[in-house]
């Protein structure tokens, strides 16, 4: 391959690595052209499967900043560049490898992160993007319904609780209403009450003084008359 052609091939591979959601490196030693065509059909329109040269791919991997594939680029290599659902592509590769053991899944990359062969098999065991999205939508709908019911239940419960508390407060208020004040107990008059009594006694003495002076006046007049000589 001429040098300009090699440069173009490297640039094309690097762009495929950058634009793909995932890439799976395989070894296809022993597979026929018909089997490779069958694999491409199984991958569908969301993935392309291309036989690559290891030397050029190593350069493209470096230019694209992809890690984890350089050491795996040995032997007859072909790469599945996946632009659609990585899970579906991984399932197709796994199923094809079961029927055609000559296809060996060596590793790959998903969203820039390297994947081992075992991780790709685990990826194939996951549910498809469509199924996961459908389940997620169902879970979100159920969560919203549960959230609504959980919100409504405490609200009505809170209303009932507030009514019960209000009734209890009203009952406590009526039971704790102040009773009629008891009649004050009779107590002995304080010592100071003797002063009016003494005042009354003094008044009586004052009142009785004129009477005694009037009684004494005739007696004095009689004594005066006796002392006066008869003329």
C-alpha atoms as a PDB file:
ATOM      1  CA  UNK A   1       0.000   0.000   0.000  1.00  0.00           C
ATOM      2  CA  UNK A   2       1.396   3.364  -1.078  1.00  0.00           C
ATOM      3  CA  UNK A   3       2.201   5.846   1.629  1.00  0.00           C
ATOM      4  CA  UNK A   4      -0.660   8.269   0.743  1.00  0.00           C
ATOM      5  CA  UNK A   5      -3.057   5.349   0.799  1.00  0.00           C
ATOM      6  CA  UNK A   6      -1.717   4.282   4.171  1.00  0.00           C
ATOM      7  CA  UNK A   7      -2.191   7.796   5.538  1.00  0.00           C
ATOM      8  CA  UNK A   8      -5.757   7.852   4.254  1.00  0.00           C
ATOM      9  CA  UNK A   9      -6.445   4.423   5.767  1.00  0.00           C
ATOM     10  CA  UNK A  10      -5.047   5.532   9.135  1.00  0.00           C
ATOM     11  CA  UNK A  11      -7.119   8.730   9.075  1.00  0.00           C
ATOM     12  CA  UNK A  12     -10.249   6.761   8.211  1.00  0.00           C
ATOM     13  CA  UNK A  13      -9.668   4.260  11.017  1.00  0.00           C
ATOM     14  CA  UNK A  14      -8.948   7.032  13.523  1.00  0.00           C
ATOM     15  CA  UNK A  15     -12.174   8.789  12.547  1.00  0.00           C
ATOM     16  CA  UNK A  16     -14.132   5.557  12.942  1.00  0.00           C
ATOM     17  CA  UNK A  17     -12.776   5.134  16.456  1.00  0.00           C
ATOM     18  CA  UNK A  18     -13.709   8.722  17.333  1.00  0.00           C
ATOM     19  CA  UNK A  19     -17.228   8.622  15.888  1.00  0.00           C
ATOM     20  CA  UNK A  20     -18.235   5.159  17.152  1.00  0.00           C
ATOM     21  CA  UNK A  21     -19.964   4.487  20.441  1.00  0.00           C
ATOM     22  CA  UNK A  22     -17.958   1.320  20.793  1.00  0.00           C
ATOM     23  CA  UNK A  23     -15.503  -0.880  18.915  1.00  0.00           C
ATOM     24  CA  UNK A  24     -14.876  -4.619  19.318  1.00  0.00           C
ATOM     25  CA  UNK A  25     -11.648  -6.189  18.159  1.00  0.00           C
ATOM     26  CA  UNK A  26     -11.905  -9.793  16.924  1.00  0.00           C
ATOM     27  CA  UNK A  27      -9.700 -12.451  15.369  1.00  0.00           C
ATOM     28  CA  UNK A  28     -11.349 -14.078  12.352  1.00  0.00           C
ATOM     29  CA  UNK A  29      -8.720 -16.711  11.470  1.00  0.00           C
ATOM     30  CA  UNK A  30     -10.356 -19.553   9.551  1.00  0.00           C
ATOM     31  CA  UNK A  31     -13.663 -17.826   8.791  1.00  0.00           C
ATOM     32  CA  UNK A  32     -14.840 -17.886   5.194  1.00  0.00           C
ATOM     33  CA  UNK A  33     -15.990 -14.925   3.157  1.00  0.00           C
ATOM     34  CA  UNK A  34     -19.560 -16.204   3.433  1.00  0.00           C
ATOM     35  CA  UNK A  35     -19.318 -16.379   7.214  1.00  0.00           C
ATOM     36  CA  UNK A  36     -17.925 -12.842   7.413  1.00  0.00           C
ATOM     37  CA  UNK A  37     -20.832 -11.660   5.277  1.00  0.00           C
ATOM     38  CA  UNK A  38     -23.242 -13.445   7.618  1.00  0.00           C
ATOM     39  CA  UNK A  39     -21.661 -11.678  10.575  1.00  0.00           C
ATOM     40  CA  UNK A  40     -22.018  -8.294   8.924  1.00  0.00           C
ATOM     41  CA  UNK A  41     -25.702  -9.035   8.312  1.00  0.00           C
ATOM     42  CA  UNK A  42     -26.157 -10.089  11.945  1.00  0.00           C
ATOM     43  CA  UNK A  43     -24.631  -6.833  13.185  1.00  0.00           C
ATOM     44  CA  UNK A  44     -27.189  -4.830  11.207  1.00  0.00           C
ATOM     45  CA  UNK A  45     -27.063  -1.262  10.014  1.00  0.00           C
ATOM     46  CA  UNK A  46     -25.821   0.173  13.323  1.00  0.00           C
ATOM     47  CA  UNK A  47     -22.422  -1.511  13.107  1.00  0.00           C
ATOM     48  CA  UNK A  48     -19.775  -2.116  10.446  1.00  0.00           C
ATOM     49  CA  UNK A  49     -17.305  -4.970  10.422  1.00  0.00           C
ATOM     50  CA  UNK A  50     -13.988  -4.415   8.666  1.00  0.00           C
ATOM     51  CA  UNK A  51     -10.783  -6.416   8.288  1.00  0.00           C
ATOM     52  CA  UNK A  52      -7.840  -4.201   9.304  1.00  0.00           C
ATOM     53  CA  UNK A  53      -4.046  -4.240   9.157  1.00  0.00           C
ATOM     54  CA  UNK A  54      -2.482  -4.281  12.606  1.00  0.00           C
ATOM     55  CA  UNK A  55       0.304  -1.821  11.832  1.00  0.00           C
ATOM     56  CA  UNK A  56      -2.044   0.819  10.472  1.00  0.00           C
ATOM     57  CA  UNK A  57      -4.587   0.225  13.232  1.00  0.00           C
ATOM     58  CA  UNK A  58      -1.940   0.765  15.894  1.00  0.00           C
ATOM     59  CA  UNK A  59      -1.192   4.170  14.400  1.00  0.00           C
ATOM     60  CA  UNK A  60      -4.909   5.033  14.154  1.00  0.00           C
ATOM     61  CA  UNK A  61      -5.513   3.946  17.747  1.00  0.00           C
ATOM     62  CA  UNK A  62      -2.740   6.245  18.901  1.00  0.00           C
ATOM     63  CA  UNK A  63      -4.055   9.171  16.881  1.00  0.00           C
ATOM     64  CA  UNK A  64      -7.595   8.648  18.163  1.00  0.00           C
ATOM     65  CA  UNK A  65      -6.401   8.402  21.775  1.00  0.00           C
ATOM     66  CA  UNK A  66      -7.829   4.915  22.243  1.00  0.00           C
ATOM     67  CA  UNK A  67      -6.237   2.796  24.949  1.00  0.00           C
ATOM     68  CA  UNK A  68      -6.196  -0.931  25.593  1.00  0.00           C
ATOM     69  CA  UNK A  69      -6.139  -2.225  22.001  1.00  0.00           C
ATOM     70  CA  UNK A  70      -2.527  -1.884  20.889  1.00  0.00           C
ATOM     71  CA  UNK A  71      -1.295  -5.070  22.583  1.00  0.00           C
ATOM     72  CA  UNK A  72      -4.265  -7.025  21.201  1.00  0.00           C
ATOM     73  CA  UNK A  73      -3.509  -6.202  17.582  1.00  0.00           C
ATOM     74  CA  UNK A  74      -1.846  -9.480  16.676  1.00  0.00           C
ATOM     75  CA  UNK A  75      -2.945 -12.097  14.162  1.00  0.00           C
ATOM     76  CA  UNK A  76      -5.741 -11.655  11.601  1.00  0.00           C
ATOM     77  CA  UNK A  77      -7.782  -8.746  13.018  1.00  0.00           C
ATOM     78  CA  UNK A  78     -11.203  -7.324  12.223  1.00  0.00           C
ATOM     79  CA  UNK A  79     -13.041  -4.597  14.109  1.00  0.00           C
ATOM     80  CA  UNK A  80     -16.751  -4.055  14.603  1.00  0.00           C
ATOM     81  CA  UNK A  81     -17.332  -0.291  14.746  1.00  0.00           C
ATOM     82  CA  UNK A  82     -20.646   0.253  16.548  1.00  0.00           C
ATOM     83  CA  UNK A  83     -22.661   3.425  16.027  1.00  0.00           C
ATOM     84  CA  UNK A  84     -25.921   2.118  17.533  1.00  0.00           C
ATOM     85  CA  UNK A  85     -26.708   0.171  20.685  1.00  0.00           C
ATOM     86  CA  UNK A  86     -23.495  -1.506  21.959  1.00  0.00           C
ATOM     87  CA  UNK A  87     -25.511  -4.149  23.782  1.00  0.00           C
ATOM     88  CA  UNK A  88     -27.225  -5.336  20.607  1.00  0.00           C
ATOM     89  CA  UNK A  89     -23.923  -5.492  18.734  1.00  0.00           C
ATOM     90  CA  UNK A  90     -22.285  -7.387  21.589  1.00  0.00           C
ATOM     91  CA  UNK A  91     -25.177  -9.863  21.558  1.00  0.00           C
ATOM     92  CA  UNK A  92     -24.767 -10.392  17.818  1.00  0.00           C
ATOM     93  CA  UNK A  93     -21.027 -11.027  18.166  1.00  0.00           C
ATOM     94  CA  UNK A  94     -21.536 -13.376  21.117  1.00  0.00           C
ATOM     95  CA  UNK A  95     -24.244 -15.382  19.365  1.00  0.00           C
ATOM     96  CA  UNK A  96     -22.212 -15.629  16.157  1.00  0.00           C
ATOM     97  CA  UNK A  97     -19.152 -16.786  18.110  1.00  0.00           C
ATOM     98  CA  UNK A  98     -21.220 -19.539  19.731  1.00  0.00           C
ATOM     99  CA  UNK A  99     -22.174 -20.883  16.301  1.00  0.00           C
ATOM    100  CA  UNK A 100     -18.736 -20.143  14.792  1.00  0.00           C
ATOM    101  CA  UNK A 101     -16.008 -20.749  17.413  1.00  0.00           C
ATOM    102  CA  UNK A 102     -13.334 -19.537  15.003  1.00  0.00           C
ATOM    103  CA  UNK A 103     -14.441 -15.968  15.746  1.00  0.00           C
ATOM    104  CA  UNK A 104     -12.535 -14.824  18.828  1.00  0.00           C
ATOM    105  CA  UNK A 105     -13.556 -11.690  20.711  1.00  0.00           C
ATOM    106  CA  UNK A 106     -10.306 -10.174  21.996  1.00  0.00           C
ATOM    107  CA  UNK A 107     -11.377  -6.845  23.567  1.00  0.00           C
ATOM    108  CA  UNK A 108     -12.756  -3.475  22.745  1.00  0.00           C
ATOM    109  CA  UNK A 109     -13.561   0.032  23.814  1.00  0.00           C
ATOM    110  CA  UNK A 110     -16.819   1.616  24.990  1.00  0.00           C
ATOM    111  CA  UNK A 111     -17.195   5.397  25.229  1.00  0.00           C
ATOM    112  CA  UNK A 112     -13.411   5.737  25.366  1.00  0.00           C
ATOM    113  CA  UNK A 113     -12.967   3.121  28.115  1.00  0.00           C
ATOM    114  CA  UNK A 114     -11.192  -0.148  27.324  1.00  0.00           C
ATOM    115  CA  UNK A 115     -13.126  -3.422  27.632  1.00  0.00           C
ATOM    116  CA  UNK A 116     -11.809  -6.939  28.097  1.00  0.00           C
ATOM    117  CA  UNK A 117     -13.308  -9.953  26.322  1.00  0.00           C
ATOM    118  CA  UNK A 118     -15.133 -10.955  29.515  1.00  0.00           C
ATOM    119  CA  UNK A 119     -16.568  -7.449  29.914  1.00  0.00           C
ATOM    120  CA  UNK A 120     -17.885  -7.570  26.363  1.00  0.00           C
ATOM    121  CA  UNK A 121     -19.600 -10.890  27.144  1.00  0.00           C
ATOM    122  CA  UNK A 122     -21.141  -9.289  30.233  1.00  0.00           C
ATOM    123  CA  UNK A 123     -22.251  -6.355  28.080  1.00  0.00           C
ATOM    124  CA  UNK A 124     -23.950  -8.853  25.760  1.00  0.00           C
ATOM    125  CA  UNK A 125     -25.870 -10.305  28.711  1.00  0.00           C
ATOM    126  CA  UNK A 126     -27.490  -6.957  29.458  1.00  0.00           C
ATOM    127  CA  UNK A 127     -30.888  -5.976  28.140  1.00  0.00           C
ATOM    128  CA  UNK A 128     -31.078  -3.828  25.047  1.00  0.00           C
ATOM    129  CA  UNK A 129     -31.276  -0.056  25.160  1.00  0.00           C
ATOM    130  CA  UNK A 130     -34.927  -0.109  24.082  1.00  0.00           C
ATOM    131  CA  UNK A 131     -35.874  -2.577  26.814  1.00  0.00           C
ATOM    132  CA  UNK A 132     -33.936  -0.625  29.452  1.00  0.00           C
ATOM    133  CA  UNK A 133     -35.563   2.638  28.359  1.00  0.00           C
ATOM    134  CA  UNK A 134     -39.003   1.033  28.468  1.00  0.00           C
ATOM    135  CA  UNK A 135     -38.323  -0.321  31.962  1.00  0.00           C
ATOM    136  CA  UNK A 136     -36.942   3.022  33.051  1.00  0.00           C
ATOM    137  CA  UNK A 137     -40.048   4.791  31.764  1.00  0.00           C
ATOM    138  CA  UNK A 138     -42.254   2.288  33.580  1.00  0.00           C
ATOM    139  CA  UNK A 139     -40.244   2.641  36.767  1.00  0.00           C
ATOM    140  CA  UNK A 140     -40.434   6.443  36.578  1.00  0.00           C
ATOM    141  CA  UNK A 141     -44.187   6.299  36.028  1.00  0.00           C
ATOM    142  CA  UNK A 142     -44.623   3.917  38.956  1.00  0.00           C
ATOM    143  CA  UNK A 143     -42.376   6.109  41.108  1.00  0.00           C
ATOM    144  CA  UNK A 144     -44.424   9.196  40.267  1.00  0.00           C
ATOM    145  CA  UNK A 145     -47.643   7.370  41.118  1.00  0.00           C
ATOM    146  CA  UNK A 146     -46.158   6.097  44.365  1.00  0.00           C
ATOM    147  CA  UNK A 147     -44.867   9.558  45.179  1.00  0.00           C
ATOM    148  CA  UNK A 148     -48.319  11.038  44.543  1.00  0.00           C
ATOM    149  CA  UNK A 149     -49.998   8.459  46.759  1.00  0.00           C
ATOM    150  CA  UNK A 150     -47.380   8.887  49.460  1.00  0.00           C
ATOM    151  CA  UNK A 151     -47.863  12.649  49.310  1.00  0.00           C
ATOM    152  CA  UNK A 152     -51.674  12.420  49.432  1.00  0.00           C
ATOM    153  CA  UNK A 153     -51.771   9.946  52.298  1.00  0.00           C
ATOM    154  CA  UNK A 154     -49.773  12.010  54.785  1.00  0.00           C
ATOM    155  CA  UNK A 155     -51.687  15.143  53.769  1.00  0.00           C
ATOM    156  CA  UNK A 156     -55.082  13.666  54.619  1.00  0.00           C
ATOM    157  CA  UNK A 157     -53.574  12.098  57.696  1.00  0.00           C
ATOM    158  CA  UNK A 158     -52.219  15.467  58.708  1.00  0.00           C
ATOM    159  CA  UNK A 159     -55.661  17.052  58.304  1.00  0.00           C
ATOM    160  CA  UNK A 160     -57.214  14.402  60.539  1.00  0.00           C
ATOM    161  CA  UNK A 161     -54.446  14.837  63.081  1.00  0.00           C
ATOM    162  CA  UNK A 162     -54.904  18.609  63.143  1.00  0.00           C
ATOM    163  CA  UNK A 163     -58.674  18.216  63.653  1.00  0.00           C
ATOM    164  CA  UNK A 164     -58.081  15.775  66.505  1.00  0.00           C
ATOM    165  CA  UNK A 165     -55.593  18.126  68.146  1.00  0.00           C
ATOM    166  CA  UNK A 166     -57.952  21.046  67.781  1.00  0.00           C
ATOM    167  CA  UNK A 167     -60.796  19.058  69.393  1.00  0.00           C
ATOM    168  CA  UNK A 168     -58.499  18.025  72.230  1.00  0.00           C
ATOM    169  CA  UNK A 169     -57.394  21.611  72.822  1.00  0.00           C
ATOM    170  CA  UNK A 170     -61.012  22.777  72.902  1.00  0.00           C
ATOM    171  CA  UNK A 171     -61.945  19.997  75.341  1.00  0.00           C
ATOM    172  CA  UNK A 172     -59.020  20.827  77.592  1.00  0.00           C
ATOM    173  CA  UNK A 173     -59.966  24.506  77.506  1.00  0.00           C
ATOM    174  CA  UNK A 174     -63.563  23.811  78.595  1.00  0.00           C
ATOM    175  CA  UNK A 175     -62.437  21.474  81.374  1.00  0.00           C
ATOM    176  CA  UNK A 176     -59.886  23.941  82.643  1.00  0.00           C
ATOM    177  CA  UNK A 177     -62.311  26.972  82.774  1.00  0.00           C
ATOM    178  CA  UNK A 178     -61.892  28.881  86.075  1.00  0.00           C
ATOM    179  CA  UNK A 179     -64.480  27.940  88.751  1.00  0.00           C
ATOM    180  CA  UNK A 180     -66.418  30.519  90.809  1.00  0.00           C
ATOM    181  CA  UNK A 181     -64.176  32.124  93.321  1.00  0.00           C
ATOM    182  CA  UNK A 182     -64.877  30.796  96.840  1.00  0.00           C
ATOM    183  CA  UNK A 183     -66.256  33.208  99.469  1.00  0.00           C
ATOM    184  CA  UNK A 184     -63.452  34.704 101.466  1.00  0.00           C
ATOM    185  CA  UNK A 185     -63.029  33.082 104.848  1.00  0.00           C
ATOM    186  CA  UNK A 186     -63.859  35.191 107.906  1.00  0.00           C
ATOM    187  CA  UNK A 187     -60.745  36.353 109.579  1.00  0.00           C
ATOM    188  CA  UNK A 188     -60.193  38.296 112.772  1.00  0.00           C
ATOM    189  CA  UNK A 189     -59.972  42.018 112.301  1.00  0.00           C
ATOM    190  CA  UNK A 190     -56.435  43.218 112.416  1.00  0.00           C
ATOM    191  CA  UNK A 191     -55.119  45.039 115.430  1.00  0.00           C
ATOM    192  CA  UNK A 192     -55.610  48.369 113.727  1.00  0.00           C
ATOM    193  CA  UNK A 193     -59.429  47.905 113.969  1.00  0.00           C
ATOM    194  CA  UNK A 194     -59.236  48.691 117.706  1.00  0.00           C
ATOM    195  CA  UNK A 195     -58.518  52.300 116.897  1.00  0.00           C
ATOM    196  CA  UNK A 196     -62.099  53.084 115.774  1.00  0.00           C
ATOM    197  CA  UNK A 197     -63.346  51.511 119.028  1.00  0.00           C
ATOM    198  CA  UNK A 198     -61.168  53.839 121.050  1.00  0.00           C
ATOM    199  CA  UNK A 199     -62.349  56.715 118.905  1.00  0.00           C
ATOM    200  CA  UNK A 200     -65.947  55.815 119.671  1.00  0.00           C
ATOM    201  CA  UNK A 201     -65.157  55.630 123.361  1.00  0.00           C
ATOM    202  CA  UNK A 202     -63.609  59.083 123.300  1.00  0.00           C
ATOM    203  CA  UNK A 203     -66.640  60.394 121.480  1.00  0.00           C
ATOM    204  CA  UNK A 204     -68.893  58.986 124.142  1.00  0.00           C
ATOM    205  CA  UNK A 205     -66.836  60.723 126.788  1.00  0.00           C
ATOM    206  CA  UNK A 206     -67.103  63.966 124.846  1.00  0.00           C
ATOM    207  CA  UNK A 207     -70.831  63.543 124.498  1.00  0.00           C
ATOM    208  CA  UNK A 208     -71.282  62.720 128.162  1.00  0.00           C
ATOM    209  CA  UNK A 209     -69.277  65.716 129.393  1.00  0.00           C
ATOM    210  CA  UNK A 210     -71.989  68.376 128.776  1.00  0.00           C
ATOM    211  CA  UNK A 211     -74.532  66.251 130.671  1.00  0.00           C
ATOM    212  CA  UNK A 212     -72.297  66.013 133.670  1.00  0.00           C
ATOM    213  CA  UNK A 213     -71.569  69.726 133.571  1.00  0.00           C
ATOM    214  CA  UNK A 214     -75.276  70.488 133.428  1.00  0.00           C
ATOM    215  CA  UNK A 215     -75.888  68.244 136.419  1.00  0.00           C
ATOM    216  CA  UNK A 216     -73.131  69.913 138.338  1.00  0.00           C
ATOM    217  CA  UNK A 217     -74.434  73.433 137.582  1.00  0.00           C
ATOM    218  CA  UNK A 218     -77.663  73.250 139.746  1.00  0.00           C
ATOM    219  CA  UNK A 219     -75.652  71.762 142.556  1.00  0.00           C
ATOM    220  CA  UNK A 220     -73.306  74.701 142.514  1.00  0.00           C
ATOM    221  CA  UNK A 221     -76.241  77.113 142.344  1.00  0.00           C
ATOM    222  CA  UNK A 222     -77.773  75.462 145.395  1.00  0.00           C
ATOM    223  CA  UNK A 223     -74.570  75.733 147.309  1.00  0.00           C
ATOM    224  CA  UNK A 224     -74.381  79.393 146.380  1.00  0.00           C
ATOM    225  CA  UNK A 225     -77.889  79.989 147.620  1.00  0.00           C
ATOM    226  CA  UNK A 226     -77.195  78.376 150.956  1.00  0.00           C
ATOM    227  CA  UNK A 227     -74.147  80.460 151.477  1.00  0.00           C
ATOM    228  CA  UNK A 228     -76.016  83.697 150.715  1.00  0.00           C
ATOM    229  CA  UNK A 229     -77.327  85.252 154.081  1.00  0.00           C
ATOM    230  CA  UNK A 230     -80.982  85.901 154.484  1.00  0.00           C
ATOM    231  CA  UNK A 231     -81.690  89.644 154.437  1.00  0.00           C
END
